[in-house]
Amino acid sequence: MIITNLCEGGDLMKKFRGFAIGVLVGGILMTTLPSLAATMKYMLVKATYPIYVNNTQYNSPELPILNYEGNTYIPMKAIGELLGGAVQWNADLKRAEIYYGGVEPTENNAFRKIKASGTNGKYSVTGEGRVFEAVMSYAVTDGHTYLLEKNYMLNEGGPAWSAFTLDIQISKDKLPLNGTLSVELFEYSAKDGSKINIITVPLESFKP
């Protein structure tokens, strides 16, 4: 009788161990599946064909055109600027935003009431900012190259809003023959030094 009970107990232990292992494996699979999904990789190849926007060829060795299973991928910011639009990263909502067709972003968490005027390399940008320690930054780009980058000291630091006026001059030999000249307003993160609260404002579009 004792032997029978031990055998039954042994079978019970085997069943329990099997159940426990099943639960453990199932738990591991359930916890790893989201990780596997989050780390899926795609193999893209460099496109061998050109892309033209309004009869102008897109060409950037640093940001090439890519192809994935017959679908063409072009850097969003570059194509947005070629189309005369603005592309920006919304740090508050954690998303990329594209504005075109006359609709431009005019504010974010750090900048508001932005207006730009000027032509032929001489521009004025006005607005209000509220940034850490009252130091905002701006950079002018033609969509491929940064032509200048400077800091600007506001009268007050955040959370108060402070008015600013930026007088920007770009020499004519640096103006693009085709494309859009834009100014990026931003601040550097006190946490990790990265650019945050970026807002892109078109200054002038050029055509050959």
N, C-alpha and C. Protein backbone atom coordinates (compact mmCIF):
# COMPACT_ATOMS: atom_id res chain seq x y z
N MET A 1 0.84 -1.21 0.00
CA MET A 1 0.00 0.00 0.00
C MET A 1 0.86 1.25 0.00
N ILE A 2 1.91 1.14 0.73
CA ILE A 2 2.82 2.29 0.78
C ILE A 2 3.46 2.50 -0.57
N ILE A 3 3.84 1.38 -1.23
CA ILE A 3 4.46 1.47 -2.55
C ILE A 3 3.50 2.07 -3.55
N THR A 4 2.23 1.64 -3.47
CA THR A 4 1.21 2.18 -4.38
C THR A 4 1.05 3.68 -4.20
N ASN A 5 1.00 4.11 -2.97
CA ASN A 5 0.87 5.54 -2.69
C ASN A 5 2.06 6.32 -3.21
N LEU A 6 3.25 5.74 -3.07
CA LEU A 6 4.45 6.41 -3.57
C LEU A 6 4.41 6.53 -5.08
N CYS A 7 3.94 5.45 -5.72
CA CYS A 7 3.85 5.49 -7.19
C CYS A 7 2.83 6.52 -7.63
N GLU A 8 1.68 6.52 -6.94
CA GLU A 8 0.66 7.52 -7.29
C GLU A 8 1.18 8.93 -7.04
N GLY A 9 1.90 9.03 -5.91
CA GLY A 9 2.49 10.34 -5.62
C GLY A 9 3.51 10.73 -6.67
N GLY A 10 4.28 9.72 -7.16
CA GLY A 10 5.25 10.00 -8.21
C GLY A 10 4.59 10.43 -9.49
N ASP A 11 3.48 9.76 -9.86
CA ASP A 11 2.74 10.18 -11.06
C ASP A 11 2.19 11.58 -10.90
N LEU A 12 1.71 11.86 -9.69
CA LEU A 12 1.17 13.19 -9.43
C LEU A 12 2.24 14.25 -9.56
N MET A 13 3.43 13.92 -9.05
CA MET A 13 4.54 14.86 -9.16
C MET A 13 4.94 15.09 -10.60
N LYS A 14 4.93 13.98 -11.39
CA LYS A 14 5.27 14.11 -12.81
C LYS A 14 4.26 15.01 -13.52
N LYS A 15 2.96 14.78 -13.20
CA LYS A 15 1.92 15.60 -13.82
C LYS A 15 2.08 17.07 -13.42
N PHE A 16 2.39 17.28 -12.15
CA PHE A 16 2.56 18.65 -11.68
C PHE A 16 3.75 19.33 -12.34
N ARG A 17 4.84 18.54 -12.45
CA ARG A 17 6.02 19.09 -13.10
C ARG A 17 5.72 19.43 -14.55
N GLY A 18 5.00 18.54 -15.22
CA GLY A 18 4.63 18.81 -16.61
C GLY A 18 3.77 20.05 -16.74
N PHE A 19 2.82 20.19 -15.82
CA PHE A 19 1.95 21.37 -15.82
C PHE A 19 2.77 22.64 -15.56
N ALA A 20 3.67 22.55 -14.57
CA ALA A 20 4.50 23.71 -14.22
C ALA A 20 5.39 24.12 -15.38
N ILE A 21 5.99 23.12 -16.05
CA ILE A 21 6.84 23.42 -17.21
C ILE A 21 6.02 24.05 -18.32
N GLY A 22 4.80 23.53 -18.53
CA GLY A 22 3.93 24.09 -19.56
C GLY A 22 3.59 25.54 -19.28
N VAL A 23 3.27 25.83 -18.02
CA VAL A 23 2.97 27.22 -17.63
C VAL A 23 4.19 28.10 -17.83
N LEU A 24 5.37 27.59 -17.45
CA LEU A 24 6.60 28.37 -17.58
C LEU A 24 6.91 28.68 -19.03
N VAL A 25 6.84 27.65 -19.90
CA VAL A 25 7.09 27.85 -21.32
C VAL A 25 6.08 28.81 -21.93
N GLY A 26 4.81 28.62 -21.56
CA GLY A 26 3.77 29.52 -22.07
C GLY A 26 4.00 30.94 -21.64
N GLY A 27 4.42 31.11 -20.36
CA GLY A 27 4.71 32.45 -19.87
C GLY A 27 5.86 33.10 -20.60
N ILE A 28 6.90 32.30 -20.87
CA ILE A 28 8.06 32.82 -21.60
C ILE A 28 7.67 33.25 -23.00
N LEU A 29 6.86 32.41 -23.67
CA LEU A 29 6.42 32.74 -25.03
C LEU A 29 5.58 34.00 -25.03
N MET A 30 4.68 34.14 -24.04
CA MET A 30 3.82 35.31 -23.98
C MET A 30 4.63 36.58 -23.75
N THR A 31 5.70 36.47 -22.95
CA THR A 31 6.50 37.67 -22.67
C THR A 31 7.47 38.00 -23.79
N THR A 32 7.88 36.99 -24.57
CA THR A 32 8.85 37.25 -25.64
C THR A 32 8.20 37.64 -26.95
N LEU A 33 6.95 37.25 -27.16
CA LEU A 33 6.29 37.56 -28.43
C LEU A 33 6.23 39.06 -28.70
N PRO A 34 5.82 39.91 -27.73
CA PRO A 34 5.85 41.36 -28.00
C PRO A 34 7.24 41.86 -28.32
N SER A 35 8.26 41.30 -27.64
CA SER A 35 9.63 41.72 -27.90
C SER A 35 10.05 41.34 -29.31
N LEU A 36 9.66 40.12 -29.74
CA LEU A 36 9.99 39.70 -31.10
C LEU A 36 9.32 40.60 -32.11
N ALA A 37 8.05 40.95 -31.84
CA ALA A 37 7.32 41.82 -32.76
C ALA A 37 7.94 43.20 -32.81
N ALA A 38 8.43 43.67 -31.66
CA ALA A 38 8.99 45.03 -31.59
C ALA A 38 10.35 45.12 -32.26
N THR A 39 11.02 43.98 -32.46
CA THR A 39 12.36 44.01 -33.03
C THR A 39 12.41 43.40 -34.43
N MET A 40 11.29 43.40 -35.13
CA MET A 40 11.28 42.89 -36.50
C MET A 40 12.16 43.76 -37.38
N LYS A 41 12.91 43.12 -38.26
CA LYS A 41 13.83 43.83 -39.13
C LYS A 41 13.40 43.68 -40.59
N TYR A 42 13.63 44.71 -41.36
CA TYR A 42 13.28 44.71 -42.78
C TYR A 42 14.55 44.93 -43.60
N MET A 43 14.67 44.19 -44.67
CA MET A 43 15.84 44.30 -45.54
C MET A 43 15.51 45.22 -46.71
N LEU A 44 16.08 46.41 -46.70
CA LEU A 44 15.88 47.36 -47.79
C LEU A 44 17.14 47.45 -48.63
N VAL A 45 16.97 47.70 -49.91
CA VAL A 45 18.12 47.84 -50.80
C VAL A 45 18.09 49.22 -51.44
N LYS A 46 19.25 49.70 -51.83
CA LYS A 46 19.34 51.01 -52.47
C LYS A 46 18.69 50.95 -53.84
N ALA A 47 17.81 51.91 -54.10
CA ALA A 47 17.10 51.94 -55.38
C ALA A 47 18.07 52.27 -56.51
N THR A 48 17.87 51.62 -57.64
CA THR A 48 18.75 51.83 -58.80
C THR A 48 18.14 52.79 -59.80
N TYR A 49 17.00 53.36 -59.47
CA TYR A 49 16.30 54.27 -60.38
C TYR A 49 16.19 55.65 -59.72
N PRO A 50 16.13 56.71 -60.52
CA PRO A 50 16.05 58.07 -59.96
C PRO A 50 14.63 58.45 -59.56
N ILE A 51 14.53 59.43 -58.69
CA ILE A 51 13.25 60.01 -58.29
C ILE A 51 13.27 61.49 -58.63
N TYR A 52 12.25 61.95 -59.35
CA TYR A 52 12.15 63.35 -59.73
C TYR A 52 10.94 63.99 -59.05
N VAL A 53 11.13 65.18 -58.51
CA VAL A 53 10.06 65.96 -57.91
C VAL A 53 9.96 67.27 -58.67
N ASN A 54 8.85 67.46 -59.37
CA ASN A 54 8.68 68.65 -60.22
C ASN A 54 9.87 68.83 -61.16
N ASN A 55 10.24 67.72 -61.82
CA ASN A 55 11.33 67.70 -62.81
C ASN A 55 12.71 67.93 -62.21
N THR A 56 12.82 67.86 -60.89
CA THR A 56 14.11 67.98 -60.23
C THR A 56 14.46 66.66 -59.56
N GLN A 57 15.65 66.14 -59.85
CA GLN A 57 16.04 64.84 -59.32
C GLN A 57 16.45 64.94 -57.85
N TYR A 58 15.94 64.01 -57.05
CA TYR A 58 16.37 63.92 -55.65
C TYR A 58 17.69 63.15 -55.61
N ASN A 59 18.67 63.73 -54.94
CA ASN A 59 19.98 63.09 -54.87
C ASN A 59 20.64 63.42 -53.54
N SER A 60 20.88 62.40 -52.72
CA SER A 60 21.54 62.59 -51.44
C SER A 60 22.31 61.33 -51.07
N PRO A 61 23.66 61.37 -51.16
CA PRO A 61 24.46 60.20 -50.79
C PRO A 61 24.26 59.79 -49.34
N GLU A 62 24.01 60.77 -48.46
CA GLU A 62 23.84 60.46 -47.04
C GLU A 62 22.49 59.82 -46.76
N LEU A 63 21.45 60.22 -47.50
CA LEU A 63 20.09 59.70 -47.30
C LEU A 63 19.56 59.18 -48.64
N PRO A 64 20.00 57.99 -49.06
CA PRO A 64 19.63 57.47 -50.38
C PRO A 64 18.19 56.98 -50.45
N ILE A 65 17.72 56.80 -51.67
CA ILE A 65 16.40 56.21 -51.91
C ILE A 65 16.52 54.71 -51.69
N LEU A 66 15.56 54.12 -51.00
CA LEU A 66 15.59 52.70 -50.70
C LEU A 66 14.36 52.00 -51.26
N ASN A 67 14.48 50.69 -51.48
CA ASN A 67 13.38 49.90 -52.01
C ASN A 67 13.15 48.68 -51.12
N TYR A 68 11.87 48.44 -50.83
CA TYR A 68 11.50 47.25 -50.05
C TYR A 68 10.33 46.57 -50.72
N GLU A 69 10.61 45.42 -51.32
CA GLU A 69 9.59 44.60 -51.98
C GLU A 69 8.76 45.43 -52.97
N GLY A 70 9.46 46.22 -53.78
CA GLY A 70 8.78 46.99 -54.81
C GLY A 70 8.24 48.33 -54.37
N ASN A 71 8.39 48.66 -53.09
CA ASN A 71 7.93 49.95 -52.57
C ASN A 71 9.13 50.87 -52.36
N THR A 72 8.97 52.12 -52.77
CA THR A 72 10.06 53.09 -52.69
C THR A 72 9.97 53.91 -51.41
N TYR A 73 11.10 54.05 -50.73
CA TYR A 73 11.17 54.81 -49.49
C TYR A 73 12.15 55.96 -49.65
N ILE A 74 11.64 57.18 -49.41
CA ILE A 74 12.45 58.39 -49.51
C ILE A 74 12.42 59.09 -48.15
N PRO A 75 13.55 59.66 -47.68
CA PRO A 75 13.55 60.37 -46.40
C PRO A 75 12.42 61.40 -46.34
N MET A 76 11.58 61.30 -45.33
CA MET A 76 10.38 62.11 -45.24
C MET A 76 10.69 63.60 -45.23
N LYS A 77 11.69 63.99 -44.47
CA LYS A 77 12.00 65.42 -44.36
C LYS A 77 12.46 65.99 -45.70
N ALA A 78 13.28 65.21 -46.42
CA ALA A 78 13.80 65.68 -47.70
C ALA A 78 12.68 65.86 -48.71
N ILE A 79 11.80 64.88 -48.82
CA ILE A 79 10.72 64.97 -49.80
C ILE A 79 9.73 66.06 -49.42
N GLY A 80 9.53 66.26 -48.11
CA GLY A 80 8.64 67.32 -47.66
C GLY A 80 9.14 68.69 -48.07
N GLU A 81 10.45 68.89 -47.92
CA GLU A 81 11.02 70.18 -48.28
C GLU A 81 11.05 70.37 -49.79
N LEU A 82 11.26 69.28 -50.55
CA LEU A 82 11.22 69.38 -52.01
C LEU A 82 9.83 69.77 -52.49
N LEU A 83 8.81 69.34 -51.76
CA LEU A 83 7.43 69.67 -52.12
C LEU A 83 6.99 71.01 -51.53
N GLY A 84 7.91 71.69 -50.87
CA GLY A 84 7.57 72.99 -50.29
C GLY A 84 6.82 72.89 -48.98
N GLY A 85 6.91 71.73 -48.32
CA GLY A 85 6.24 71.54 -47.05
C GLY A 85 7.22 71.59 -45.90
N ALA A 86 6.70 71.38 -44.71
CA ALA A 86 7.54 71.38 -43.51
C ALA A 86 7.33 70.07 -42.76
N VAL A 87 8.42 69.51 -42.27
CA VAL A 87 8.38 68.26 -41.51
C VAL A 87 9.00 68.51 -40.15
N GLN A 88 8.33 68.07 -39.10
CA GLN A 88 8.87 68.28 -37.77
C GLN A 88 8.51 67.11 -36.86
N TRP A 89 9.30 66.97 -35.78
CA TRP A 89 9.03 65.96 -34.77
C TRP A 89 8.34 66.63 -33.59
N ASN A 90 7.13 66.15 -33.26
CA ASN A 90 6.38 66.68 -32.13
C ASN A 90 6.76 65.89 -30.89
N ALA A 91 7.62 66.48 -30.06
CA ALA A 91 8.13 65.77 -28.88
C ALA A 91 7.04 65.51 -27.85
N ASP A 92 6.04 66.39 -27.79
CA ASP A 92 4.97 66.21 -26.80
C ASP A 92 4.09 65.02 -27.15
N LEU A 93 3.74 64.90 -28.43
CA LEU A 93 2.85 63.82 -28.87
C LEU A 93 3.61 62.61 -29.39
N LYS A 94 4.95 62.70 -29.45
CA LYS A 94 5.79 61.59 -29.92
C LYS A 94 5.39 61.14 -31.33
N ARG A 95 5.38 62.08 -32.27
CA ARG A 95 4.99 61.74 -33.63
C ARG A 95 5.65 62.69 -34.62
N ALA A 96 5.77 62.23 -35.86
CA ALA A 96 6.27 63.09 -36.94
C ALA A 96 5.08 63.78 -37.59
N GLU A 97 5.27 65.03 -37.99
CA GLU A 97 4.17 65.80 -38.59
C GLU A 97 4.63 66.44 -39.89
N ILE A 98 3.76 66.41 -40.90
CA ILE A 98 4.04 67.02 -42.20
C ILE A 98 2.99 68.09 -42.46
N TYR A 99 3.44 69.25 -42.89
CA TYR A 99 2.54 70.35 -43.24
C TYR A 99 2.84 70.80 -44.66
N TYR A 100 1.80 70.94 -45.47
CA TYR A 100 2.00 71.39 -46.85
C TYR A 100 0.71 72.04 -47.34
N GLY A 101 0.76 72.56 -48.56
CA GLY A 101 -0.42 73.19 -49.14
C GLY A 101 -0.81 74.48 -48.44
N GLY A 102 0.19 75.21 -47.94
CA GLY A 102 -0.10 76.48 -47.28
C GLY A 102 -0.35 76.36 -45.79
N VAL A 103 -0.43 75.13 -45.28
CA VAL A 103 -0.64 74.94 -43.85
C VAL A 103 0.71 74.69 -43.18
N GLU A 104 1.08 75.54 -42.26
CA GLU A 104 2.37 75.42 -41.60
C GLU A 104 2.19 75.34 -40.09
N PRO A 105 3.04 74.61 -39.40
CA PRO A 105 2.98 74.60 -37.93
C PRO A 105 3.38 75.97 -37.41
N THR A 106 2.62 76.48 -36.49
CA THR A 106 2.92 77.82 -35.97
C THR A 106 3.30 77.80 -34.50
N GLU A 107 3.17 76.64 -33.84
CA GLU A 107 3.53 76.60 -32.43
C GLU A 107 3.76 75.18 -31.95
N ASN A 108 4.49 75.06 -30.86
CA ASN A 108 4.63 73.81 -30.12
C ASN A 108 4.80 74.17 -28.66
N ASN A 109 5.35 73.28 -27.88
CA ASN A 109 5.45 73.53 -26.45
C ASN A 109 6.41 74.68 -26.11
N ALA A 110 7.36 74.98 -27.01
CA ALA A 110 8.38 75.99 -26.71
C ALA A 110 8.27 77.25 -27.56
N PHE A 111 7.56 77.18 -28.69
CA PHE A 111 7.49 78.33 -29.60
C PHE A 111 6.06 78.54 -30.09
N ARG A 112 5.70 79.80 -30.28
CA ARG A 112 4.36 80.12 -30.78
C ARG A 112 4.39 81.46 -31.50
N LYS A 113 3.31 81.74 -32.23
CA LYS A 113 3.13 83.01 -32.95
C LYS A 113 4.30 83.29 -33.89
N ILE A 114 4.74 82.25 -34.60
CA ILE A 114 5.90 82.38 -35.48
C ILE A 114 5.51 82.99 -36.82
N LYS A 115 6.27 83.99 -37.25
CA LYS A 115 6.07 84.60 -38.57
C LYS A 115 7.43 84.83 -39.21
N ALA A 116 7.49 84.60 -40.52
CA ALA A 116 8.74 84.79 -41.25
C ALA A 116 8.50 85.68 -42.46
N SER A 117 9.47 86.52 -42.77
CA SER A 117 9.37 87.40 -43.93
C SER A 117 10.77 87.59 -44.51
N GLY A 118 10.82 88.12 -45.73
CA GLY A 118 12.11 88.38 -46.35
C GLY A 118 12.30 87.62 -47.64
N THR A 119 13.40 87.93 -48.34
CA THR A 119 13.70 87.29 -49.62
C THR A 119 15.18 87.45 -49.94
N ASN A 120 15.66 86.64 -50.88
CA ASN A 120 17.04 86.75 -51.39
C ASN A 120 18.12 86.74 -50.30
N GLY A 121 17.94 85.90 -49.31
CA GLY A 121 18.98 85.74 -48.29
C GLY A 121 18.85 86.62 -47.07
N LYS A 122 17.89 87.53 -47.05
CA LYS A 122 17.69 88.39 -45.89
C LYS A 122 16.29 88.13 -45.33
N TYR A 123 16.23 87.63 -44.07
CA TYR A 123 14.96 87.22 -43.51
C TYR A 123 14.82 87.69 -42.06
N SER A 124 13.56 87.81 -41.66
CA SER A 124 13.25 88.16 -40.28
C SER A 124 12.23 87.15 -39.75
N VAL A 125 12.51 86.59 -38.60
CA VAL A 125 11.61 85.62 -37.99
C VAL A 125 11.24 86.13 -36.60
N THR A 126 9.95 86.27 -36.34
CA THR A 126 9.48 86.75 -35.05
C THR A 126 8.58 85.71 -34.40
N GLY A 127 8.44 85.83 -33.10
CA GLY A 127 7.57 84.91 -32.38
C GLY A 127 7.79 85.02 -30.89
N GLU A 128 7.32 84.02 -30.16
CA GLU A 128 7.52 83.95 -28.72
C GLU A 128 8.06 82.58 -28.36
N GLY A 129 8.95 82.57 -27.36
CA GLY A 129 9.53 81.31 -26.92
C GLY A 129 9.55 81.20 -25.41
N ARG A 130 9.53 79.96 -24.93
CA ARG A 130 9.72 79.70 -23.51
C ARG A 130 10.60 78.45 -23.40
N VAL A 131 11.83 78.67 -23.09
CA VAL A 131 12.82 77.59 -23.09
C VAL A 131 13.64 77.61 -21.81
N PHE A 132 14.33 76.52 -21.55
CA PHE A 132 15.13 76.37 -20.34
C PHE A 132 16.26 77.40 -20.31
N GLU A 133 16.35 78.12 -19.22
CA GLU A 133 17.38 79.13 -19.00
C GLU A 133 17.41 80.20 -20.09
N ALA A 134 16.28 80.39 -20.77
CA ALA A 134 16.10 81.48 -21.75
C ALA A 134 16.99 81.37 -22.98
N VAL A 135 17.59 80.20 -23.23
CA VAL A 135 18.47 80.04 -24.39
C VAL A 135 17.79 79.19 -25.45
N MET A 136 17.43 79.81 -26.56
CA MET A 136 16.87 79.09 -27.70
C MET A 136 17.94 79.01 -28.79
N SER A 137 17.74 78.11 -29.72
CA SER A 137 18.69 77.95 -30.83
C SER A 137 17.93 77.93 -32.14
N TYR A 138 18.64 78.27 -33.21
CA TYR A 138 18.03 78.19 -34.54
C TYR A 138 19.09 77.82 -35.57
N ALA A 139 18.64 77.17 -36.63
CA ALA A 139 19.55 76.74 -37.70
C ALA A 139 18.83 76.89 -39.03
N VAL A 140 19.57 77.31 -40.04
CA VAL A 140 19.02 77.47 -41.39
C VAL A 140 19.52 76.33 -42.26
N THR A 141 18.60 75.69 -42.99
CA THR A 141 18.96 74.56 -43.83
C THR A 141 18.30 74.67 -45.20
N ASP A 142 18.98 74.10 -46.20
CA ASP A 142 18.39 74.03 -47.54
C ASP A 142 17.79 72.65 -47.81
N GLY A 143 17.68 71.86 -46.76
CA GLY A 143 17.14 70.52 -46.90
C GLY A 143 18.20 69.45 -46.96
N HIS A 144 19.44 69.86 -47.24
CA HIS A 144 20.55 68.91 -47.31
C HIS A 144 21.70 69.32 -46.39
N THR A 145 21.90 70.64 -46.29
CA THR A 145 23.04 71.17 -45.54
C THR A 145 22.59 72.27 -44.60
N TYR A 146 23.17 72.32 -43.41
CA TYR A 146 22.93 73.43 -42.49
C TYR A 146 23.87 74.57 -42.85
N LEU A 147 23.28 75.72 -43.15
CA LEU A 147 24.06 76.88 -43.58
C LEU A 147 24.53 77.73 -42.41
N LEU A 148 23.81 77.69 -41.31
CA LEU A 148 24.25 78.37 -40.09
C LEU A 148 23.48 77.82 -38.90
N GLU A 149 24.06 77.97 -37.73
CA GLU A 149 23.39 77.60 -36.48
C GLU A 149 23.85 78.56 -35.39
N LYS A 150 22.88 79.14 -34.68
CA LYS A 150 23.20 80.12 -33.65
C LYS A 150 22.29 79.96 -32.44
N ASN A 151 22.71 80.56 -31.33
CA ASN A 151 21.89 80.62 -30.12
C ASN A 151 21.34 82.03 -29.98
N TYR A 152 20.22 82.13 -29.27
CA TYR A 152 19.60 83.43 -29.05
C TYR A 152 19.11 83.47 -27.60
N MET A 153 19.44 84.55 -26.90
CA MET A 153 19.06 84.69 -25.50
C MET A 153 17.74 85.47 -25.39
N LEU A 154 16.73 84.82 -24.83
CA LEU A 154 15.45 85.48 -24.59
C LEU A 154 15.54 86.34 -23.33
N ASN A 155 14.57 87.23 -23.18
CA ASN A 155 14.57 88.09 -21.99
C ASN A 155 14.23 87.31 -20.73
N GLU A 156 13.40 86.25 -20.89
CA GLU A 156 12.99 85.44 -19.74
C GLU A 156 13.05 83.97 -20.10
N GLY A 157 13.29 83.14 -19.10
CA GLY A 157 13.25 81.70 -19.29
C GLY A 157 11.87 81.15 -19.00
N GLY A 158 11.65 79.88 -19.37
CA GLY A 158 10.37 79.27 -19.11
C GLY A 158 10.08 79.18 -17.61
N PRO A 159 8.81 79.16 -17.23
CA PRO A 159 7.63 78.95 -18.09
C PRO A 159 7.05 80.20 -18.73
N ALA A 160 7.69 81.36 -18.53
CA ALA A 160 7.17 82.59 -19.12
C ALA A 160 7.47 82.63 -20.62
N TRP A 161 6.54 83.20 -21.40
CA TRP A 161 6.76 83.41 -22.83
C TRP A 161 7.51 84.72 -23.03
N SER A 162 8.46 84.70 -23.96
CA SER A 162 9.28 85.88 -24.23
C SER A 162 9.37 86.11 -25.73
N ALA A 163 9.16 87.34 -26.17
CA ALA A 163 9.18 87.65 -27.61
C ALA A 163 10.61 87.65 -28.14
N PHE A 164 10.76 87.32 -29.42
CA PHE A 164 12.08 87.34 -30.05
C PHE A 164 11.96 87.78 -31.50
N THR A 165 13.05 88.32 -32.02
CA THR A 165 13.18 88.67 -33.43
C THR A 165 14.54 88.20 -33.91
N LEU A 166 14.53 87.35 -34.93
CA LEU A 166 15.78 86.83 -35.50
C LEU A 166 16.02 87.50 -36.84
N ASP A 167 17.16 88.14 -37.00
CA ASP A 167 17.56 88.71 -38.28
C ASP A 167 18.58 87.76 -38.91
N ILE A 168 18.18 87.15 -40.00
CA ILE A 168 18.99 86.10 -40.63
C ILE A 168 19.50 86.57 -41.99
N GLN A 169 20.78 86.37 -42.23
CA GLN A 169 21.37 86.70 -43.53
C GLN A 169 22.16 85.51 -44.06
N ILE A 170 21.84 85.10 -45.27
CA ILE A 170 22.53 84.01 -45.95
C ILE A 170 23.12 84.56 -47.25
N SER A 171 24.41 84.37 -47.45
CA SER A 171 25.04 84.89 -48.67
C SER A 171 24.42 84.25 -49.90
N LYS A 172 24.35 85.00 -50.99
CA LYS A 172 23.66 84.53 -52.19
C LYS A 172 24.29 83.28 -52.79
N ASP A 173 25.60 83.12 -52.60
CA ASP A 173 26.25 81.94 -53.16
C ASP A 173 25.89 80.65 -52.40
N LYS A 174 25.25 80.80 -51.23
CA LYS A 174 24.82 79.63 -50.47
C LYS A 174 23.33 79.32 -50.64
N LEU A 175 22.62 80.21 -51.30
CA LEU A 175 21.19 79.98 -51.51
C LEU A 175 20.99 78.82 -52.49
N PRO A 176 20.00 77.95 -52.26
CA PRO A 176 19.79 76.81 -53.15
C PRO A 176 19.27 77.25 -54.51
N LEU A 177 19.66 76.51 -55.54
CA LEU A 177 19.13 76.78 -56.88
C LEU A 177 17.72 76.25 -57.01
N ASN A 178 17.45 75.19 -56.26
CA ASN A 178 16.12 74.60 -56.28
C ASN A 178 15.83 73.99 -54.91
N GLY A 179 14.64 74.24 -54.41
CA GLY A 179 14.28 73.71 -53.10
C GLY A 179 13.80 74.80 -52.16
N THR A 180 13.69 74.47 -50.90
CA THR A 180 13.16 75.40 -49.90
C THR A 180 14.18 75.67 -48.81
N LEU A 181 14.39 76.94 -48.53
CA LEU A 181 15.25 77.36 -47.43
C LEU A 181 14.37 77.47 -46.18
N SER A 182 14.77 76.83 -45.10
CA SER A 182 13.96 76.83 -43.88
C SER A 182 14.81 77.14 -42.67
N VAL A 183 14.15 77.60 -41.62
CA VAL A 183 14.83 77.81 -40.34
C VAL A 183 14.20 76.87 -39.32
N GLU A 184 15.04 76.21 -38.57
CA GLU A 184 14.59 75.33 -37.49
C GLU A 184 14.77 76.06 -36.16
N LEU A 185 13.70 76.16 -35.40
CA LEU A 185 13.77 76.71 -34.04
C LEU A 185 13.75 75.53 -33.08
N PHE A 186 14.60 75.56 -32.07
CA PHE A 186 14.66 74.43 -31.14
C PHE A 186 15.40 74.84 -29.87
N GLU A 187 15.46 73.93 -28.94
CA GLU A 187 16.30 74.10 -27.75
C GLU A 187 17.01 72.78 -27.49
N TYR A 188 18.12 72.86 -26.78
CA TYR A 188 18.86 71.66 -26.42
C TYR A 188 18.37 71.14 -25.07
N SER A 189 18.15 69.84 -25.01
CA SER A 189 17.66 69.22 -23.79
C SER A 189 18.70 69.34 -22.67
N ALA A 190 18.25 69.78 -21.50
CA ALA A 190 19.14 69.85 -20.35
C ALA A 190 19.46 68.45 -19.83
N LYS A 191 18.68 67.48 -20.28
CA LYS A 191 18.85 66.10 -19.81
C LYS A 191 19.94 65.36 -20.56
N ASP A 192 19.87 65.41 -21.91
CA ASP A 192 20.85 64.63 -22.69
C ASP A 192 21.50 65.41 -23.83
N GLY A 193 21.19 66.71 -23.94
CA GLY A 193 21.82 67.54 -24.97
C GLY A 193 21.25 67.39 -26.36
N SER A 194 20.16 66.64 -26.52
CA SER A 194 19.56 66.45 -27.84
C SER A 194 18.67 67.64 -28.19
N LYS A 195 18.39 67.79 -29.48
CA LYS A 195 17.48 68.85 -29.92
C LYS A 195 16.04 68.46 -29.58
N ILE A 196 15.31 69.38 -28.99
CA ILE A 196 13.91 69.12 -28.66
C ILE A 196 13.06 70.32 -29.06
N ASN A 197 11.75 70.10 -29.10
CA ASN A 197 10.79 71.16 -29.45
C ASN A 197 11.15 71.83 -30.77
N ILE A 198 11.50 71.01 -31.75
CA ILE A 198 11.90 71.54 -33.06
C ILE A 198 10.67 71.98 -33.84
N ILE A 199 10.72 73.16 -34.39
CA ILE A 199 9.68 73.64 -35.29
C ILE A 199 10.36 74.20 -36.53
N THR A 200 9.91 73.78 -37.70
CA THR A 200 10.53 74.18 -38.96
C THR A 200 9.66 75.21 -39.67
N VAL A 201 10.28 76.32 -40.03
CA VAL A 201 9.55 77.42 -40.68
C VAL A 201 10.17 77.69 -42.04
N PRO A 202 9.43 77.53 -43.14
CA PRO A 202 9.96 77.84 -44.47
C PRO A 202 10.26 79.33 -44.60
N LEU A 203 11.39 79.65 -45.20
CA LEU A 203 11.77 81.05 -45.43
C LEU A 203 11.51 81.47 -46.86
N GLU A 204 11.95 80.62 -47.81
CA GLU A 204 11.79 80.96 -49.22
C GLU A 204 12.00 79.72 -50.07
N SER A 205 11.21 79.61 -51.16
CA SER A 205 11.36 78.50 -52.10
C SER A 205 12.04 79.00 -53.36
N PHE A 206 12.90 78.16 -53.92
CA PHE A 206 13.67 78.54 -55.11
C PHE A 206 13.41 77.54 -56.23
N LYS A 207 13.37 78.06 -57.45
CA LYS A 207 13.23 77.22 -58.64
C LYS A 207 14.20 77.70 -59.70
N PRO A 208 14.75 76.77 -60.49
CA PRO A 208 15.72 77.17 -61.53
C PRO A 208 15.04 77.97 -62.64
